[in-house]
Amino acid sequence: MCIAVPLEVIKLCEGNEAIVHYKGVSMKVNIGLLENVVLGDILLVHAGCAIEKLNKKEGKKTQELFDELPIFEEGDIWNA
């Protein structure tokens, strides 16, 4: 199954990359498909690429929905 995960930007890197974070996990992703990414933005990330920028309210709501999924409780999503 393929899903896009809502991740928060915690650091902007050189080029088209940023460090994102969610549920204790941080990773570097490509942000080249998006414009004007800033710290604190919540991005939908699929296969290491940010594909959409969510507004804060929508992003937090989406993260809350993901929090309800049992897969996140065990951390399996990060090992898939």
C-alpha atoms as a PDB file:
ATOM      1  CA  MET A   1       0.000   0.000   0.000  1.00  0.00           C
ATOM      2  CA  CYS A   2       1.269   3.477  -0.839  1.00  0.00           C
ATOM      3  CA  ILE A   3       0.353   6.477   1.254  1.00  0.00           C
ATOM      4  CA  ALA A   4       1.518  10.059   1.676  1.00  0.00           C
ATOM      5  CA  VAL A   5       2.410  10.924   5.258  1.00  0.00           C
ATOM      6  CA  PRO A   6       1.991  14.410   6.832  1.00  0.00           C
ATOM      7  CA  LEU A   7       5.419  15.526   8.068  1.00  0.00           C
ATOM      8  CA  GLU A   8       6.505  18.845   9.602  1.00  0.00           C
ATOM      9  CA  VAL A   9       9.499  20.761   8.226  1.00  0.00           C
ATOM     10  CA  ILE A  10      12.087  21.224  10.977  1.00  0.00           C
ATOM     11  CA  LYS A  11      15.087  22.278   8.873  1.00  0.00           C
ATOM     12  CA  LEU A  12      15.667  23.602   5.370  1.00  0.00           C
ATOM     13  CA  CYS A  13      18.765  22.218   3.652  1.00  0.00           C
ATOM     14  CA  GLU A  14      20.733  23.370   0.628  1.00  0.00           C
ATOM     15  CA  GLY A  15      19.140  22.760  -2.724  1.00  0.00           C
ATOM     16  CA  ASN A  16      15.705  21.194  -2.845  1.00  0.00           C
ATOM     17  CA  GLU A  17      15.840  19.295   0.434  1.00  0.00           C
ATOM     18  CA  ALA A  18      14.406  19.656   3.917  1.00  0.00           C
ATOM     19  CA  ILE A  19      14.423  17.664   7.136  1.00  0.00           C
ATOM     20  CA  VAL A  20      10.924  16.656   8.231  1.00  0.00           C
ATOM     21  CA  HIS A  21       9.696  15.092  11.459  1.00  0.00           C
ATOM     22  CA  TYR A  22       6.762  13.094  12.782  1.00  0.00           C
ATOM     23  CA  LYS A  23       6.272  10.698  15.685  1.00  0.00           C
ATOM     24  CA  GLY A  24       9.927  10.782  16.745  1.00  0.00           C
ATOM     25  CA  VAL A  25      11.321  10.121  13.275  1.00  0.00           C
ATOM     26  CA  SER A  26      13.211  12.657  11.151  1.00  0.00           C
ATOM     27  CA  MET A  27      14.238  12.257   7.525  1.00  0.00           C
ATOM     28  CA  LYS A  28      15.500  14.241   4.562  1.00  0.00           C
ATOM     29  CA  VAL A  29      13.005  14.724   1.718  1.00  0.00           C
ATOM     30  CA  ASN A  30      13.004  16.400  -1.671  1.00  0.00           C
ATOM     31  CA  ILE A  31      10.891  19.584  -1.750  1.00  0.00           C
ATOM     32  CA  GLY A  32      11.571  20.473  -5.383  1.00  0.00           C
ATOM     33  CA  LEU A  33       7.932  20.049  -6.437  1.00  0.00           C
ATOM     34  CA  LEU A  34       6.730  22.745  -4.003  1.00  0.00           C
ATOM     35  CA  GLU A  35       7.206  26.500  -3.766  1.00  0.00           C
ATOM     36  CA  ASN A  36       7.950  28.610  -0.705  1.00  0.00           C
ATOM     37  CA  VAL A  37       8.469  25.833   1.834  1.00  0.00           C
ATOM     38  CA  VAL A  38       9.266  27.284   5.278  1.00  0.00           C
ATOM     39  CA  LEU A  39       9.998  25.922   8.745  1.00  0.00           C
ATOM     40  CA  GLY A  40       6.865  24.562  10.395  1.00  0.00           C
ATOM     41  CA  ASP A  41       5.083  23.705   7.148  1.00  0.00           C
ATOM     42  CA  ILE A  42       3.326  20.359   7.100  1.00  0.00           C
ATOM     43  CA  LEU A  43       3.982  18.478   3.888  1.00  0.00           C
ATOM     44  CA  LEU A  44       2.463  15.349   2.449  1.00  0.00           C
ATOM     45  CA  VAL A  45       5.440  13.138   1.642  1.00  0.00           C
ATOM     46  CA  HIS A  46       5.410  10.063  -0.572  1.00  0.00           C
ATOM     47  CA  ALA A  47       8.511   8.037  -1.486  1.00  0.00           C
ATOM     48  CA  GLY A  48      10.855  10.725  -0.189  1.00  0.00           C
ATOM     49  CA  CYS A  49       9.244  13.569  -2.143  1.00  0.00           C
ATOM     50  CA  ALA A  50       7.007  16.300  -0.765  1.00  0.00           C
ATOM     51  CA  ILE A  51       3.963  16.373  -3.031  1.00  0.00           C
ATOM     52  CA  GLU A  52       1.686  18.888  -1.295  1.00  0.00           C
ATOM     53  CA  LYS A  53       1.825  21.591   1.352  1.00  0.00           C
ATOM     54  CA  LEU A  54      -1.066  21.542   3.838  1.00  0.00           C
ATOM     55  CA  ASN A  55      -2.308  24.538   5.793  1.00  0.00           C
ATOM     56  CA  LYS A  56      -1.642  24.249   9.551  1.00  0.00           C
ATOM     57  CA  LYS A  57      -5.220  23.330  10.501  1.00  0.00           C
ATOM     58  CA  GLU A  58      -5.565  20.724   7.757  1.00  0.00           C
ATOM     59  CA  GLY A  59      -2.083  19.355   8.477  1.00  0.00           C
ATOM     60  CA  LYS A  60      -2.700  18.896  12.202  1.00  0.00           C
ATOM     61  CA  LYS A  61      -6.079  17.282  11.489  1.00  0.00           C
ATOM     62  CA  THR A  62      -4.437  14.868   9.045  1.00  0.00           C
ATOM     63  CA  GLN A  63      -1.736  14.005  11.608  1.00  0.00           C
ATOM     64  CA  GLU A  64      -4.450  13.305  14.189  1.00  0.00           C
ATOM     65  CA  LEU A  65      -6.090  10.874  11.765  1.00  0.00           C
ATOM     66  CA  PHE A  66      -2.752   9.128  11.226  1.00  0.00           C
ATOM     67  CA  ASP A  67      -2.287   8.940  15.003  1.00  0.00           C
ATOM     68  CA  GLU A  68      -5.383   6.732  15.147  1.00  0.00           C
ATOM     69  CA  LEU A  69      -3.902   4.145  12.775  1.00  0.00           C
ATOM     70  CA  PRO A  70      -2.490   1.128  14.631  1.00  0.00           C
ATOM     71  CA  ILE A  71       0.479   0.959  12.246  1.00  0.00           C
ATOM     72  CA  PHE A  72       1.898   4.158  13.775  1.00  0.00           C
ATOM     73  CA  GLU A  73       1.672   2.788  17.302  1.00  0.00           C
ATOM     74  CA  GLU A  74       4.160   0.070  16.480  1.00  0.00           C
ATOM     75  CA  GLY A  75       6.320   2.141  14.135  1.00  0.00           C
ATOM     76  CA  ASP A  76       5.870  -0.341  11.280  1.00  0.00           C
ATOM     77  CA  ILE A  77       5.268   2.447   8.776  1.00  0.00           C
ATOM     78  CA  TRP A  78       8.905   3.518   9.015  1.00  0.00           C
ATOM     79  CA  ASN A  79      10.187  -0.007   8.413  1.00  0.00           C
ATOM     80  CA  ALA A  80       8.044  -0.765   5.379  1.00  0.00           C
END
